[in-house]
Amino acid sequence: MAKVAKGEPVDPASYYFRTAVSFETASDKYAWLNGIIAIGTGSRPPEGPVYEIFEVL
């Protein structure tokens, strides 16, 4: 994590980055997001965090 904090590249396989995602929107266009359950993985390149989010069926 020290390398991540310094902004140095770190192989994503060397750490565990998972998240449970929930959405809340008042937009009619995106209202479907309010009813899904999602999980995600992530990595922390020097440019900032990158997430891949997946809907759980």
Protein backbone atom coordinates (compact mmCIF):
# COMPACT_ATOMS: atom_id res chain seq x y z
CA MET A 1 0.00 0.00 0.00
CA ALA A 2 2.98 2.32 0.48
CA LYS A 3 3.64 2.17 -3.28
CA VAL A 4 -0.03 2.91 -4.01
CA ALA A 5 0.08 5.89 -1.62
CA LYS A 6 3.19 7.21 -3.42
CA GLY A 7 1.47 6.90 -6.80
CA GLU A 8 3.78 4.14 -7.98
CA PRO A 9 2.50 1.35 -10.26
CA VAL A 10 1.51 -1.79 -8.35
CA ASP A 11 0.49 -5.13 -9.87
CA PRO A 12 -3.26 -5.58 -9.11
CA ALA A 13 -2.61 -9.28 -8.44
CA SER A 14 -0.59 -8.29 -5.37
CA TYR A 15 -3.59 -6.88 -3.44
CA TYR A 16 -7.32 -7.51 -2.96
CA PHE A 17 -9.67 -4.74 -4.14
CA ARG A 18 -13.39 -5.62 -4.08
CA THR A 19 -16.51 -3.58 -3.46
CA ALA A 20 -20.27 -3.94 -3.07
CA VAL A 21 -22.08 -1.22 -5.02
CA SER A 22 -25.49 0.35 -4.60
CA PHE A 23 -27.02 3.12 -6.67
CA GLU A 24 -29.52 5.85 -5.82
CA THR A 25 -30.88 8.11 -8.55
CA ALA A 26 -33.99 10.21 -9.12
CA SER A 27 -33.47 10.14 -12.90
CA ASP A 28 -36.17 8.25 -14.80
CA LYS A 29 -33.56 7.28 -17.39
CA TYR A 30 -31.40 5.51 -14.78
CA ALA A 31 -34.11 4.40 -12.33
CA TRP A 32 -33.35 0.74 -13.18
CA LEU A 33 -30.06 1.15 -11.27
CA ASN A 34 -32.01 1.62 -8.02
CA GLY A 35 -33.13 -2.01 -8.08
CA ILE A 36 -29.91 -3.86 -8.82
CA ILE A 37 -27.21 -5.42 -6.67
CA ALA A 38 -23.69 -5.01 -7.99
CA ILE A 39 -20.17 -6.06 -7.06
CA GLY A 40 -16.90 -4.77 -8.36
CA THR A 41 -13.17 -5.16 -8.59
CA GLY A 42 -10.65 -2.40 -8.78
CA SER A 43 -7.07 -1.39 -9.28
CA ARG A 44 -5.07 1.70 -8.37
CA PRO A 45 -2.82 2.83 -11.22
CA PRO A 46 -0.94 6.12 -10.68
CA GLU A 47 -3.66 8.03 -12.60
CA GLY A 48 -6.31 7.08 -10.01
CA PRO A 49 -8.65 4.20 -9.15
CA VAL A 50 -10.26 2.10 -11.88
CA TYR A 51 -13.39 0.04 -11.12
CA GLU A 52 -15.11 -2.76 -13.02
CA ILE A 53 -18.71 -3.10 -11.81
CA PHE A 54 -20.90 -6.15 -12.47
CA GLU A 55 -24.64 -6.61 -11.89
CA VAL A 56 -25.47 -9.70 -9.83
CA LEU A 57 -28.34 -11.62 -11.39
